[in-house]
Amino acid sequence: MNENTNDAPTMRAISQDVHGGPEVLTETTVPRPAPGPSQILVAVHAGGLNPTDWKHRAAGLFLDRLPLVLGWDVSGVVEAVGYGVTIFKPGDRVFGMLPYPHGVGAHAEYAVGPARAFTHKPDGIDHVQAGALPLAALTAYQALVDTAGVGNGTRVLVHAAAGGVGHLAVQIAKARGAHVIGTASAGKHDFLRELGADQVVDYRNEDFTEAVEDVDVVLDPLSGETRTRSLDVLKPGGVLVSLLPGQDPDEAERAARLGVRVETLLVEADHAGMAAIAALADEGRLRAHVQATFPLAEAAKAHALGETERTTGKIVLVVRD
């Protein structure tokens, strides 16, 4: 190793050399990235975990490179800016989502990404709260607003409404004047009502197709049977926005017969969307429920908790106090 390599800046990161369970995640030292043109380098203070993190850890999904540093959610402070960046300066507090999926790398002391994947962090929320929002809130916003056009009086059904995307979707839909119905286990119904849900359905003991009708929009993070049956609660002209691929070979024919639209969404980095999310958070109309925080070194424990699928809201890794 030459002298220049020894002098190169490094950082702590959570990396994996193989796919597998949470135990494949280890804390290691890696080179600190530098911002290129139109990029910023962010000193990460906190970053949320999402189901896509443990799915990529286990099986690779869209990313086939190893070693791999996971994480897309970032809240932190701008350390440096690359050539051409005008909207941020070093010292600015920012939050955002690294471009999904290939811009991964947030579970580290520093992360680099396009300047316009970020926006200014509202002063009224801390880094843990801000770090919980980007990927899940952008997913909900792009599904409900950009794809489905939810507005005043829209009837919206959110499946898994107490989950990471779901509980933010409830708040975003309510902020736009929608009538919101959420499915969740009975123990989470009070939580959803506090978020503003107008109706809650216990998916374990109720058939949502009997409890719900004439819906304009369905947001489905689950797919499978839930996606297939959700077509039956939509009114003609309605739209089902799914976050996972469909499995029903007759879905397109059924949707056409019912006069409804089906879309499958993959979240994208989005400066305008992050600005809208920041505005809602600043107004107190959008807040992530953080069930648990873990220091960066305990990322494996955070993954294990997330994979139980029993959490409410989000899990956040704290990188800096």
Protein backbone atom coordinates (compact mmCIF):
# COMPACT_ATOMS: atom_id res chain seq x y z
CA MET A 1 0.00 0.00 0.00
CA ASN A 2 1.53 3.32 -1.03
CA GLU A 3 1.66 6.53 0.97
CA ASN A 4 -1.16 8.19 -1.01
CA THR A 5 -3.47 5.27 -0.28
CA ASN A 6 -2.62 5.47 3.43
CA ASP A 7 -3.39 9.19 3.43
CA ALA A 8 -6.71 8.81 1.57
CA PRO A 9 -9.75 9.60 3.76
CA THR A 10 -11.73 6.64 5.02
CA MET A 11 -15.04 6.08 6.82
CA ARG A 12 -16.94 3.45 8.76
CA ALA A 13 -19.59 1.56 6.78
CA ILE A 14 -21.79 -1.50 7.09
CA SER A 15 -20.83 -3.86 4.30
CA GLN A 16 -21.45 -7.41 3.16
CA ASP A 17 -19.32 -9.74 1.07
CA VAL A 18 -22.01 -12.39 0.51
CA HIS A 19 -25.79 -12.56 0.47
CA GLY A 20 -27.56 -14.07 3.45
CA GLY A 21 -29.05 -13.32 6.85
CA PRO A 22 -28.35 -10.29 9.05
CA GLU A 23 -25.13 -11.89 10.23
CA VAL A 24 -23.45 -11.16 6.86
CA LEU A 25 -23.43 -7.44 7.74
CA THR A 26 -20.18 -6.24 9.26
CA GLU A 27 -18.75 -2.86 10.21
CA THR A 28 -15.71 -2.10 8.11
CA THR A 29 -13.51 0.78 6.95
CA VAL A 30 -13.83 1.85 3.33
CA PRO A 31 -12.61 4.81 1.25
CA ARG A 32 -14.63 7.96 1.77
CA PRO A 33 -16.29 9.03 -1.49
CA ALA A 34 -15.76 12.43 -3.08
CA PRO A 35 -18.53 14.37 -4.84
CA GLY A 36 -18.39 14.50 -8.61
CA PRO A 37 -20.09 17.04 -10.87
CA SER A 38 -23.62 17.88 -9.67
CA GLN A 39 -23.12 15.79 -6.52
CA ILE A 40 -22.87 16.51 -2.82
CA LEU A 41 -21.04 14.65 -0.06
CA VAL A 42 -23.19 14.34 3.07
CA ALA A 43 -21.97 13.54 6.56
CA VAL A 44 -24.70 11.09 7.48
CA HIS A 45 -26.40 11.59 10.86
CA ALA A 46 -29.24 9.07 10.43
CA GLY A 47 -30.83 6.87 7.80
CA GLY A 48 -33.94 4.74 7.72
CA LEU A 49 -34.18 1.04 7.04
CA ASN A 50 -36.71 -0.24 4.52
CA PRO A 51 -37.79 -3.74 3.50
CA THR A 52 -35.79 -3.33 0.31
CA ASP A 53 -32.63 -3.21 2.45
CA TRP A 54 -33.04 -6.67 3.91
CA LYS A 55 -34.31 -8.07 0.61
CA HIS A 56 -31.20 -6.82 -1.17
CA ARG A 57 -29.02 -8.11 1.68
CA ALA A 58 -30.54 -11.56 1.37
CA ALA A 59 -30.80 -11.98 -2.38
CA GLY A 60 -29.29 -9.08 -4.31
CA LEU A 61 -32.47 -8.15 -6.22
CA PHE A 62 -31.47 -5.24 -8.49
CA LEU A 63 -27.88 -5.13 -7.26
CA ASP A 64 -25.48 -7.91 -8.20
CA ARG A 65 -22.27 -6.30 -6.96
CA LEU A 66 -20.37 -7.34 -3.84
CA PRO A 67 -19.10 -6.09 -1.47
CA LEU A 68 -22.17 -3.94 -0.95
CA VAL A 69 -23.02 -1.06 1.36
CA LEU A 70 -26.79 -0.79 1.65
CA GLY A 71 -29.08 2.12 2.48
CA TRP A 72 -30.90 4.81 0.49
CA ASP A 73 -32.29 7.11 3.23
CA VAL A 74 -30.02 9.98 4.29
CA SER A 75 -30.31 12.85 6.73
CA GLY A 76 -27.17 14.79 7.49
CA VAL A 77 -24.99 17.81 6.82
CA VAL A 78 -23.37 18.75 3.53
CA GLU A 79 -19.62 18.16 3.82
CA ALA A 80 -18.61 19.17 0.28
CA VAL A 81 -20.19 20.00 -3.07
CA GLY A 82 -19.11 18.99 -6.54
CA TYR A 83 -18.69 21.14 -9.60
CA GLY A 84 -21.86 22.91 -10.72
CA VAL A 85 -23.88 22.56 -7.52
CA THR A 86 -25.69 25.80 -6.66
CA ILE A 87 -28.54 24.83 -4.34
CA PHE A 88 -26.45 23.64 -1.36
CA LYS A 89 -23.35 24.77 0.47
CA PRO A 90 -21.17 22.97 3.04
CA GLY A 91 -22.89 23.08 6.42
CA ASP A 92 -26.45 22.84 5.04
CA ARG A 93 -28.70 20.32 6.78
CA VAL A 94 -30.30 18.10 4.12
CA PHE A 95 -32.26 14.91 3.68
CA GLY A 96 -33.14 12.79 0.69
CA MET A 97 -33.06 9.42 -1.02
CA LEU A 98 -30.03 8.20 -2.95
CA PRO A 99 -31.11 7.17 -6.48
CA TYR A 100 -32.89 3.85 -6.25
CA PRO A 101 -31.61 1.23 -6.72
CA HIS A 102 -28.08 1.78 -8.03
CA GLY A 103 -27.18 4.85 -5.94
CA VAL A 104 -27.14 2.77 -2.76
CA GLY A 105 -24.63 3.41 0.07
CA ALA A 106 -26.25 5.39 2.90
CA HIS A 107 -25.33 3.06 5.78
CA ALA A 108 -21.97 4.71 6.30
CA GLU A 109 -20.47 7.82 7.85
CA TYR A 110 -20.63 9.65 4.50
CA ALA A 111 -22.77 9.28 1.40
CA VAL A 112 -22.51 10.89 -2.02
CA GLY A 113 -25.39 11.52 -4.38
CA PRO A 114 -26.93 13.95 -6.87
CA ALA A 115 -27.61 17.33 -5.28
CA ARG A 116 -31.18 17.24 -6.57
CA ALA A 117 -31.92 13.99 -4.78
CA PHE A 118 -31.92 16.09 -1.60
CA THR A 119 -33.70 19.04 -0.09
CA HIS A 120 -33.20 21.16 3.02
CA LYS A 121 -34.17 19.45 6.27
CA PRO A 122 -36.96 21.30 8.10
CA ASP A 123 -35.73 22.86 11.33
CA GLY A 124 -38.68 21.41 13.22
CA ILE A 125 -37.62 17.77 12.85
CA ASP A 126 -34.39 16.10 13.94
CA HIS A 127 -32.12 13.90 11.85
CA VAL A 128 -33.71 10.68 13.12
CA GLN A 129 -37.15 11.83 12.03
CA ALA A 130 -35.82 13.17 8.72
CA GLY A 131 -33.79 10.02 8.09
CA ALA A 132 -36.92 7.89 8.45
CA LEU A 133 -38.83 9.70 5.72
CA PRO A 134 -37.22 9.73 2.26
CA LEU A 135 -37.73 6.35 0.55
CA ALA A 136 -41.02 5.48 2.22
CA ALA A 137 -42.51 8.97 1.95
CA LEU A 138 -41.41 9.37 -1.68
CA THR A 139 -42.96 5.99 -2.48
CA ALA A 140 -46.26 7.06 -0.94
CA TYR A 141 -46.15 10.50 -2.56
CA GLN A 142 -45.31 9.20 -6.03
CA ALA A 143 -48.02 6.56 -5.76
CA LEU A 144 -50.80 8.77 -4.42
CA VAL A 145 -50.04 12.16 -5.94
CA ASP A 146 -48.00 11.64 -9.11
CA THR A 147 -49.59 8.36 -10.23
CA ALA A 148 -53.13 8.42 -8.83
CA GLY A 149 -53.80 12.16 -8.51
CA VAL A 150 -55.32 11.90 -5.04
CA GLY A 151 -57.18 15.07 -4.06
CA ASN A 152 -60.11 16.40 -2.08
CA GLY A 153 -62.79 13.75 -1.61
CA THR A 154 -60.81 10.87 -3.17
CA ARG A 155 -61.56 7.55 -1.49
CA VAL A 156 -58.24 5.83 -0.81
CA LEU A 157 -57.59 2.32 0.52
CA VAL A 158 -54.10 1.79 1.97
CA HIS A 159 -53.06 -1.79 2.67
CA ALA A 160 -50.54 -2.48 5.47
CA ALA A 161 -51.41 1.02 6.63
CA ALA A 162 -49.32 0.87 9.82
CA GLY A 163 -46.16 -0.07 7.92
CA GLY A 164 -43.32 2.16 6.77
CA VAL A 165 -44.93 3.30 3.52
CA GLY A 166 -48.49 2.81 4.72
CA HIS A 167 -48.50 5.11 7.75
CA LEU A 168 -46.97 7.91 5.68
CA ALA A 169 -49.43 7.29 2.86
CA VAL A 170 -52.33 7.73 5.29
CA GLN A 171 -50.99 11.14 6.31
CA ILE A 172 -50.23 12.29 2.76
CA ALA A 173 -53.68 11.27 1.54
CA LYS A 174 -55.34 13.05 4.47
CA ALA A 175 -53.26 16.18 3.82
CA ARG A 176 -54.73 16.23 0.30
CA GLY A 177 -58.30 15.96 1.57
CA ALA A 178 -58.91 12.29 0.88
CA HIS A 179 -61.18 9.85 2.72
CA VAL A 180 -58.71 7.20 3.91
CA ILE A 181 -59.34 3.55 4.72
CA GLY A 182 -56.50 1.47 6.14
CA THR A 183 -56.02 -2.24 6.68
CA ALA A 184 -54.00 -3.41 9.70
CA SER A 185 -54.21 -5.81 12.62
CA ALA A 186 -56.63 -4.74 15.35
CA GLY A 187 -53.88 -3.68 17.74
CA LYS A 188 -52.79 -0.94 15.33
CA HIS A 189 -56.21 0.59 14.71
CA ASP A 190 -55.91 3.31 17.35
CA PHE A 191 -52.55 4.30 15.87
CA LEU A 192 -54.13 4.67 12.42
CA ARG A 193 -57.04 6.69 13.77
CA GLU A 194 -54.55 9.05 15.41
CA LEU A 195 -52.95 9.52 11.99
CA GLY A 196 -56.34 10.49 10.57
CA ALA A 197 -57.66 7.28 9.02
CA ASP A 198 -61.44 7.52 8.54
CA GLN A 199 -62.02 3.75 8.54
CA VAL A 200 -59.85 0.83 9.62
CA VAL A 201 -60.22 -2.83 8.67
CA ASP A 202 -58.81 -5.77 10.63
CA TYR A 203 -57.37 -7.82 7.79
CA ARG A 204 -57.01 -10.86 10.05
CA ASN A 205 -60.70 -11.08 10.92
CA GLU A 206 -62.46 -9.11 8.18
CA ASP A 207 -62.68 -9.52 4.41
CA PHE A 208 -61.74 -6.08 3.13
CA THR A 209 -63.71 -6.70 -0.07
CA GLU A 210 -66.86 -6.86 2.04
CA ALA A 211 -65.97 -3.94 4.31
CA VAL A 212 -64.87 -1.56 1.55
CA GLU A 213 -66.43 -0.47 -1.74
CA ASP A 214 -66.38 2.30 -4.35
CA VAL A 215 -62.72 3.19 -3.81
CA ASP A 216 -60.93 5.55 -6.20
CA VAL A 217 -57.38 4.50 -5.31
CA VAL A 218 -55.79 1.44 -3.74
CA LEU A 219 -52.18 1.56 -2.54
CA ASP A 220 -50.89 -2.00 -2.21
CA PRO A 221 -47.42 -2.78 -0.79
CA LEU A 222 -48.23 -6.51 -0.51
CA SER A 223 -49.18 -7.84 -3.99
CA GLY A 224 -50.26 -11.50 -4.31
CA GLU A 225 -53.85 -12.20 -3.33
CA THR A 226 -54.27 -8.72 -1.84
CA ARG A 227 -53.48 -7.10 -5.20
CA THR A 228 -55.79 -9.44 -7.08
CA ARG A 229 -58.74 -8.93 -4.74
CA SER A 230 -58.25 -5.17 -4.53
CA LEU A 231 -59.53 -4.79 -8.08
CA ASP A 232 -62.99 -5.70 -6.79
CA VAL A 233 -63.26 -2.68 -4.46
CA LEU A 234 -62.35 -0.09 -7.08
CA LYS A 235 -65.03 1.96 -8.79
CA PRO A 236 -64.85 2.31 -12.59
CA GLY A 237 -62.06 4.72 -13.44
CA GLY A 238 -60.17 3.84 -10.27
CA VAL A 239 -56.51 2.93 -10.03
CA LEU A 240 -54.56 0.28 -8.14
CA VAL A 241 -50.96 1.29 -7.44
CA SER A 242 -48.86 -1.69 -6.40
CA LEU A 243 -45.31 -1.62 -5.07
CA LEU A 244 -44.55 -5.20 -6.11
CA PRO A 245 -45.05 -7.10 -9.37
CA GLY A 246 -48.37 -8.83 -9.98
CA GLN A 247 -48.80 -12.59 -10.08
CA ASP A 248 -52.21 -12.91 -11.74
CA PRO A 249 -51.85 -13.66 -15.48
CA ASP A 250 -55.45 -12.53 -16.03
CA GLU A 251 -55.03 -9.21 -14.20
CA ALA A 252 -54.94 -6.99 -17.29
CA GLU A 253 -58.09 -8.59 -18.68
CA ARG A 254 -59.93 -8.27 -15.35
CA ALA A 255 -58.87 -4.66 -14.95
CA ALA A 256 -60.08 -3.81 -18.44
CA ARG A 257 -63.40 -5.53 -17.80
CA LEU A 258 -63.86 -3.58 -14.55
CA GLY A 259 -62.79 -0.31 -16.15
CA VAL A 260 -59.88 0.27 -13.75
CA ARG A 261 -56.16 0.93 -14.12
CA VAL A 262 -53.28 -1.02 -12.59
CA GLU A 263 -49.82 0.49 -12.09
CA THR A 264 -46.65 -0.96 -10.54
CA LEU A 265 -44.43 1.72 -9.02
CA LEU A 266 -40.68 1.75 -8.43
CA VAL A 267 -39.65 4.78 -6.38
CA GLU A 268 -37.34 7.37 -7.98
CA ALA A 269 -35.08 10.03 -6.53
CA ASP A 270 -37.04 13.27 -6.79
CA HIS A 271 -36.08 16.80 -5.68
CA ALA A 272 -39.62 18.17 -6.13
CA GLY A 273 -41.12 15.25 -4.24
CA MET A 274 -38.66 15.70 -1.39
CA ALA A 275 -39.49 19.41 -1.25
CA ALA A 276 -43.20 18.56 -0.98
CA ILE A 277 -42.45 16.05 1.79
CA ALA A 278 -40.32 18.62 3.61
CA ALA A 279 -43.18 21.13 3.41
CA LEU A 280 -45.66 18.65 4.89
CA ALA A 281 -43.22 17.79 7.67
CA ASP A 282 -42.54 21.46 8.35
CA GLU A 283 -46.29 22.09 8.64
CA GLY A 284 -46.69 19.20 11.08
CA ARG A 285 -48.87 17.24 8.65
CA LEU A 286 -46.39 14.41 8.06
CA ARG A 287 -44.38 12.62 10.70
CA ALA A 288 -42.65 9.26 10.62
CA HIS A 289 -43.36 6.94 13.54
CA VAL A 290 -39.95 5.59 14.58
CA GLN A 291 -40.36 2.34 16.48
CA ALA A 292 -36.67 1.76 17.13
CA THR A 293 -33.22 3.25 16.55
CA PHE A 294 -29.90 1.42 16.41
CA PRO A 295 -26.33 2.69 16.19
CA LEU A 296 -24.67 2.04 12.85
CA ALA A 297 -22.59 -0.80 14.31
CA GLU A 298 -25.80 -2.68 15.20
CA ALA A 299 -27.24 -2.72 11.69
CA ALA A 300 -27.60 -6.51 11.82
CA LYS A 301 -29.91 -6.21 14.85
CA ALA A 302 -31.94 -3.59 13.02
CA HIS A 303 -32.32 -5.89 10.00
CA ALA A 304 -33.39 -8.78 12.23
CA LEU A 305 -36.09 -6.64 13.85
CA GLY A 306 -37.35 -5.42 10.48
CA GLU A 307 -37.62 -8.93 9.11
CA THR A 308 -40.07 -9.91 11.86
CA GLU A 309 -42.67 -7.84 9.93
CA ARG A 310 -44.16 -6.86 13.29
CA THR A 311 -42.92 -3.31 13.45
CA THR A 312 -45.03 -0.17 13.26
CA GLY A 313 -43.61 2.64 11.15
CA LYS A 314 -39.86 2.83 10.68
CA ILE A 315 -36.49 1.65 12.04
CA VAL A 316 -33.60 4.12 11.87
CA LEU A 317 -29.83 3.72 12.03
CA VAL A 318 -28.12 6.54 13.93
CA VAL A 319 -24.65 7.33 12.61
CA ARG A 320 -23.87 10.52 14.54
CA ASP A 321 -25.38 11.79 17.78
